[in-house]
Amino acid sequence: MRESTACPGYSGGIHGYFRRYIPDAFGIPPIFLQRNMLFEKAKDHLVSSAMNINEISEELGFSEHAVFTRFFTERAGISPKEFRNTGF
């Protein structure tokens, strides 16, 4: 996945805020929320865009196509190609 870049003047205080309040608001840790959002974006791209799977992988910040395919397949139970072809 894409690595974060440092923001000038960022003290890190917001990180603690999110770690405390995201679980209360959403019932899951922030990393799970981030992965769920990424999965939803992946599904949206597969259904509504003309980008190929490699392009989607790059757009979402995955280092390699295989990493994206594994990420998606673990969550959907089918590969991105199968998902796209079934027209979910």
C-alpha atoms as a PDB file:
ATOM      1  CA  MET A   1       0.000   0.000   0.000  1.00  0.00           C
ATOM      2  CA  ARG A   2       0.966   3.602  -0.405  1.00  0.00           C
ATOM      3  CA  GLU A   3       3.327   4.960   2.227  1.00  0.00           C
ATOM      4  CA  SER A   4       2.412   8.102   4.119  1.00  0.00           C
ATOM      5  CA  THR A   5       4.444  11.207   3.561  1.00  0.00           C
ATOM      6  CA  ALA A   6       5.344  13.560   6.371  1.00  0.00           C
ATOM      7  CA  CYS A   7       3.395  16.778   6.649  1.00  0.00           C
ATOM      8  CA  PRO A   8       5.312  19.892   7.660  1.00  0.00           C
ATOM      9  CA  GLY A   9       4.245  21.024  11.086  1.00  0.00           C
ATOM     10  CA  TYR A  10       2.394  17.803  11.869  1.00  0.00           C
ATOM     11  CA  SER A  11       2.777  16.936  15.537  1.00  0.00           C
ATOM     12  CA  GLY A  12       1.107  13.535  15.452  1.00  0.00           C
ATOM     13  CA  GLY A  13      -1.633  14.555  17.869  1.00  0.00           C
ATOM     14  CA  ILE A  14      -4.404  13.727  15.456  1.00  0.00           C
ATOM     15  CA  HIS A  15      -3.113  10.152  15.241  1.00  0.00           C
ATOM     16  CA  GLY A  16      -3.903   9.581  18.897  1.00  0.00           C
ATOM     17  CA  TYR A  17      -7.313  11.151  18.432  1.00  0.00           C
ATOM     18  CA  PHE A  18      -8.185   8.763  15.624  1.00  0.00           C
ATOM     19  CA  ARG A  19      -6.852   5.758  17.505  1.00  0.00           C
ATOM     20  CA  ARG A  20      -9.176   6.591  20.404  1.00  0.00           C
ATOM     21  CA  TYR A  21     -12.321   7.741  18.645  1.00  0.00           C
ATOM     22  CA  ILE A  22     -12.558   5.745  15.408  1.00  0.00           C
ATOM     23  CA  PRO A  23     -13.256   2.485  17.278  1.00  0.00           C
ATOM     24  CA  ASP A  24     -16.006   4.208  19.284  1.00  0.00           C
ATOM     25  CA  ALA A  25     -17.584   5.738  16.187  1.00  0.00           C
ATOM     26  CA  PHE A  26     -17.258   2.806  13.793  1.00  0.00           C
ATOM     27  CA  GLY A  27     -16.713  -0.198  16.039  1.00  0.00           C
ATOM     28  CA  ILE A  28     -13.436  -1.130  14.352  1.00  0.00           C
ATOM     29  CA  PRO A  29      -9.787   0.001  14.612  1.00  0.00           C
ATOM     30  CA  PRO A  30      -8.651   2.748  12.183  1.00  0.00           C
ATOM     31  CA  ILE A  31      -6.567   0.337  10.070  1.00  0.00           C
ATOM     32  CA  PHE A  32      -9.635  -1.842   9.442  1.00  0.00           C
ATOM     33  CA  LEU A  33     -11.650   1.238   8.503  1.00  0.00           C
ATOM     34  CA  GLN A  34      -8.917   2.285   6.064  1.00  0.00           C
ATOM     35  CA  ARG A  35      -8.795  -1.190   4.505  1.00  0.00           C
ATOM     36  CA  ASN A  36     -12.586  -1.332   4.223  1.00  0.00           C
ATOM     37  CA  MET A  37     -12.628   2.032   2.485  1.00  0.00           C
ATOM     38  CA  LEU A  38      -9.854   0.896   0.128  1.00  0.00           C
ATOM     39  CA  PHE A  39     -11.806  -2.283  -0.663  1.00  0.00           C
ATOM     40  CA  GLU A  40     -14.933  -0.238  -1.427  1.00  0.00           C
ATOM     41  CA  LYS A  41     -12.906   2.013  -3.754  1.00  0.00           C
ATOM     42  CA  ALA A  42     -11.506  -1.059  -5.476  1.00  0.00           C
ATOM     43  CA  LYS A  43     -15.001  -2.475  -6.034  1.00  0.00           C
ATOM     44  CA  ASP A  44     -16.200   0.867  -7.368  1.00  0.00           C
ATOM     45  CA  HIS A  45     -13.294   1.111  -9.823  1.00  0.00           C
ATOM     46  CA  LEU A  46     -13.837  -2.459 -11.006  1.00  0.00           C
ATOM     47  CA  VAL A  47     -17.531  -1.868 -11.655  1.00  0.00           C
ATOM     48  CA  SER A  48     -17.587   1.693 -12.964  1.00  0.00           C
ATOM     49  CA  SER A  49     -14.253   2.458 -14.610  1.00  0.00           C
ATOM     50  CA  ALA A  50     -12.547   1.422 -17.816  1.00  0.00           C
ATOM     51  CA  MET A  51      -9.173   1.139 -16.055  1.00  0.00           C
ATOM     52  CA  ASN A  52      -7.523  -2.256 -16.216  1.00  0.00           C
ATOM     53  CA  ILE A  53      -6.699  -4.083 -13.002  1.00  0.00           C
ATOM     54  CA  ASN A  54      -3.047  -3.004 -13.070  1.00  0.00           C
ATOM     55  CA  GLU A  55      -4.122   0.637 -13.351  1.00  0.00           C
ATOM     56  CA  ILE A  56      -6.589   0.232 -10.483  1.00  0.00           C
ATOM     57  CA  SER A  57      -3.870  -1.360  -8.395  1.00  0.00           C
ATOM     58  CA  GLU A  58      -1.560   1.594  -9.021  1.00  0.00           C
ATOM     59  CA  GLU A  59      -4.348   4.147  -8.487  1.00  0.00           C
ATOM     60  CA  LEU A  60      -5.078   2.686  -5.058  1.00  0.00           C
ATOM     61  CA  GLY A  61      -1.401   2.729  -4.077  1.00  0.00           C
ATOM     62  CA  PHE A  62      -0.505  -0.951  -4.145  1.00  0.00           C
ATOM     63  CA  SER A  63       3.148  -1.719  -4.764  1.00  0.00           C
ATOM     64  CA  GLU A  64       2.384  -4.630  -7.097  1.00  0.00           C
ATOM     65  CA  HIS A  65      -0.566  -6.060  -8.981  1.00  0.00           C
ATOM     66  CA  ALA A  66      -0.235  -9.345  -7.043  1.00  0.00           C
ATOM     67  CA  VAL A  67      -0.533  -7.546  -3.694  1.00  0.00           C
ATOM     68  CA  PHE A  68      -3.752  -5.877  -4.851  1.00  0.00           C
ATOM     69  CA  THR A  69      -5.144  -9.168  -6.166  1.00  0.00           C
ATOM     70  CA  ARG A  70      -4.406 -10.915  -2.858  1.00  0.00           C
ATOM     71  CA  PHE A  71      -5.904  -8.018  -0.859  1.00  0.00           C
ATOM     72  CA  PHE A  72      -9.072  -8.029  -2.957  1.00  0.00           C
ATOM     73  CA  THR A  73      -9.480 -11.815  -3.122  1.00  0.00           C
ATOM     74  CA  GLU A  74      -9.133 -12.182   0.658  1.00  0.00           C
ATOM     75  CA  ARG A  75     -12.043  -9.790   1.146  1.00  0.00           C
ATOM     76  CA  ALA A  76     -14.331 -10.643  -1.771  1.00  0.00           C
ATOM     77  CA  GLY A  77     -13.687 -14.362  -2.028  1.00  0.00           C
ATOM     78  CA  ILE A  78     -13.096 -13.957  -5.763  1.00  0.00           C
ATOM     79  CA  SER A  79     -10.379 -12.277  -7.821  1.00  0.00           C
ATOM     80  CA  PRO A  80     -10.762  -8.722  -9.126  1.00  0.00           C
ATOM     81  CA  LYS A  81     -11.118 -10.127 -12.654  1.00  0.00           C
ATOM     82  CA  GLU A  82     -13.916 -12.475 -11.584  1.00  0.00           C
ATOM     83  CA  PHE A  83     -15.602  -9.643  -9.673  1.00  0.00           C
ATOM     84  CA  ARG A  84     -15.515  -7.398 -12.732  1.00  0.00           C
ATOM     85  CA  ASN A  85     -16.797 -10.150 -15.035  1.00  0.00           C
ATOM     86  CA  THR A  86     -19.733 -11.052 -12.783  1.00  0.00           C
ATOM     87  CA  GLY A  87     -20.986  -7.458 -12.865  1.00  0.00           C
ATOM     88  CA  PHE A  88     -21.574  -7.080  -9.131  1.00  0.00           C
END
